[in-house]
């Protein structure tokens, strides 16, 4: 997942992020606001040693959503 993808899907992503990784507070999510670098920093701050695991989860989440978004585009 890259910066543009996170910004474009932030509303959907943040709900599932908080559900999956409960240490993120509403304040954290507001501070992140769809900004990739801030997201990575908060991941590091909250989870440290699990950073790679969360980034893999984020990439996986995006991959699951990408086919759905492609199907909705008019051909």
C-alpha atoms as a PDB file:
ATOM      1  CA  UNK A   1       0.000   0.000   0.000  1.00  0.00           C
ATOM      2  CA  UNK A   2       1.380   3.410  -0.890  1.00  0.00           C
ATOM      3  CA  UNK A   3       0.572   6.977   0.155  1.00  0.00           C
ATOM      4  CA  UNK A   4      -2.038   7.613  -2.572  1.00  0.00           C
ATOM      5  CA  UNK A   5      -3.792   4.320  -1.922  1.00  0.00           C
ATOM      6  CA  UNK A   6      -3.996   4.983   1.814  1.00  0.00           C
ATOM      7  CA  UNK A   7      -5.358   8.492   1.308  1.00  0.00           C
ATOM      8  CA  UNK A   8      -7.974   7.273  -1.188  1.00  0.00           C
ATOM      9  CA  UNK A   9      -9.235   4.449   1.018  1.00  0.00           C
ATOM     10  CA  UNK A  10      -8.700   6.027   4.437  1.00  0.00           C
ATOM     11  CA  UNK A  11     -12.338   6.007   5.593  1.00  0.00           C
ATOM     12  CA  UNK A  12     -12.679   2.284   4.980  1.00  0.00           C
ATOM     13  CA  UNK A  13      -9.178   1.453   6.124  1.00  0.00           C
ATOM     14  CA  UNK A  14      -9.234   3.226   9.486  1.00  0.00           C
ATOM     15  CA  UNK A  15     -12.238   1.282  10.784  1.00  0.00           C
ATOM     16  CA  UNK A  16     -10.712  -2.050   9.942  1.00  0.00           C
ATOM     17  CA  UNK A  17      -7.307  -0.913  11.223  1.00  0.00           C
ATOM     18  CA  UNK A  18      -8.726  -0.092  14.644  1.00  0.00           C
ATOM     19  CA  UNK A  19     -10.723  -3.314  14.723  1.00  0.00           C
ATOM     20  CA  UNK A  20      -7.713  -5.452  13.793  1.00  0.00           C
ATOM     21  CA  UNK A  21      -5.076  -3.565  15.800  1.00  0.00           C
ATOM     22  CA  UNK A  22      -6.805  -2.282  18.946  1.00  0.00           C
ATOM     23  CA  UNK A  23      -3.992  -0.100  20.282  1.00  0.00           C
ATOM     24  CA  UNK A  24      -4.867   2.634  17.774  1.00  0.00           C
ATOM     25  CA  UNK A  25      -7.005   5.274  19.461  1.00  0.00           C
ATOM     26  CA  UNK A  26      -9.510   7.586  17.785  1.00  0.00           C
ATOM     27  CA  UNK A  27      -6.959  10.360  18.384  1.00  0.00           C
ATOM     28  CA  UNK A  28      -4.289   8.314  16.567  1.00  0.00           C
ATOM     29  CA  UNK A  29      -6.599   7.813  13.614  1.00  0.00           C
ATOM     30  CA  UNK A  30      -7.443  11.501  13.505  1.00  0.00           C
ATOM     31  CA  UNK A  31      -3.747  12.398  13.596  1.00  0.00           C
ATOM     32  CA  UNK A  32      -2.958   9.927  10.819  1.00  0.00           C
ATOM     33  CA  UNK A  33      -5.744  11.329   8.652  1.00  0.00           C
ATOM     34  CA  UNK A  34      -4.789   9.180   5.680  1.00  0.00           C
ATOM     35  CA  UNK A  35      -1.152  10.353   5.589  1.00  0.00           C
ATOM     36  CA  UNK A  36       1.071   7.342   4.908  1.00  0.00           C
ATOM     37  CA  UNK A  37       4.188   8.582   6.711  1.00  0.00           C
ATOM     38  CA  UNK A  38       2.147   9.410   9.804  1.00  0.00           C
ATOM     39  CA  UNK A  39       0.521   5.973   9.619  1.00  0.00           C
ATOM     40  CA  UNK A  40       3.928   4.278   9.518  1.00  0.00           C
ATOM     41  CA  UNK A  41       5.120   6.393  12.456  1.00  0.00           C
ATOM     42  CA  UNK A  42       2.067   5.512  14.555  1.00  0.00           C
ATOM     43  CA  UNK A  43       2.503   1.832  13.720  1.00  0.00           C
ATOM     44  CA  UNK A  44       6.096   2.034  14.929  1.00  0.00           C
ATOM     45  CA  UNK A  45       5.067   3.970  18.049  1.00  0.00           C
ATOM     46  CA  UNK A  46       2.237   1.647  19.057  1.00  0.00           C
ATOM     47  CA  UNK A  47       3.543  -1.732  17.941  1.00  0.00           C
ATOM     48  CA  UNK A  48       7.323  -1.406  17.400  1.00  0.00           C
ATOM     49  CA  UNK A  49       8.412  -4.981  16.864  1.00  0.00           C
ATOM     50  CA  UNK A  50       5.221  -5.856  14.972  1.00  0.00           C
ATOM     51  CA  UNK A  51       5.684  -3.088  12.371  1.00  0.00           C
ATOM     52  CA  UNK A  52       6.393  -5.513   9.510  1.00  0.00           C
ATOM     53  CA  UNK A  53       3.361  -7.590  10.469  1.00  0.00           C
ATOM     54  CA  UNK A  54       1.067  -4.544  10.375  1.00  0.00           C
ATOM     55  CA  UNK A  55       2.499  -3.345   7.074  1.00  0.00           C
ATOM     56  CA  UNK A  56       1.899  -6.815   5.578  1.00  0.00           C
ATOM     57  CA  UNK A  57      -1.667  -6.681   6.907  1.00  0.00           C
ATOM     58  CA  UNK A  58      -2.152  -3.225   5.309  1.00  0.00           C
ATOM     59  CA  UNK A  59      -0.848  -4.496   1.965  1.00  0.00           C
ATOM     60  CA  UNK A  60      -3.086  -7.548   2.179  1.00  0.00           C
ATOM     61  CA  UNK A  61      -6.085  -5.363   3.056  1.00  0.00           C
ATOM     62  CA  UNK A  62      -5.407  -3.174   0.040  1.00  0.00           C
ATOM     63  CA  UNK A  63      -5.049  -6.175  -2.274  1.00  0.00           C
ATOM     64  CA  UNK A  64      -8.450  -7.490  -1.159  1.00  0.00           C
ATOM     65  CA  UNK A  65     -10.060  -4.088  -1.811  1.00  0.00           C
ATOM     66  CA  UNK A  66      -8.340  -3.401  -5.154  1.00  0.00           C
ATOM     67  CA  UNK A  67     -10.319  -5.997  -7.181  1.00  0.00           C
ATOM     68  CA  UNK A  68     -13.573  -4.654  -5.744  1.00  0.00           C
ATOM     69  CA  UNK A  69     -12.662  -1.086  -6.754  1.00  0.00           C
ATOM     70  CA  UNK A  70     -11.700  -2.282 -10.257  1.00  0.00           C
ATOM     71  CA  UNK A  71     -15.071  -4.019 -10.671  1.00  0.00           C
ATOM     72  CA  UNK A  72     -16.935  -0.796  -9.819  1.00  0.00           C
ATOM     73  CA  UNK A  73     -15.157   1.264 -12.504  1.00  0.00           C
ATOM     74  CA  UNK A  74     -17.142   1.641 -15.724  1.00  0.00           C
ATOM     75  CA  UNK A  75     -15.551  -0.172 -18.656  1.00  0.00           C
END
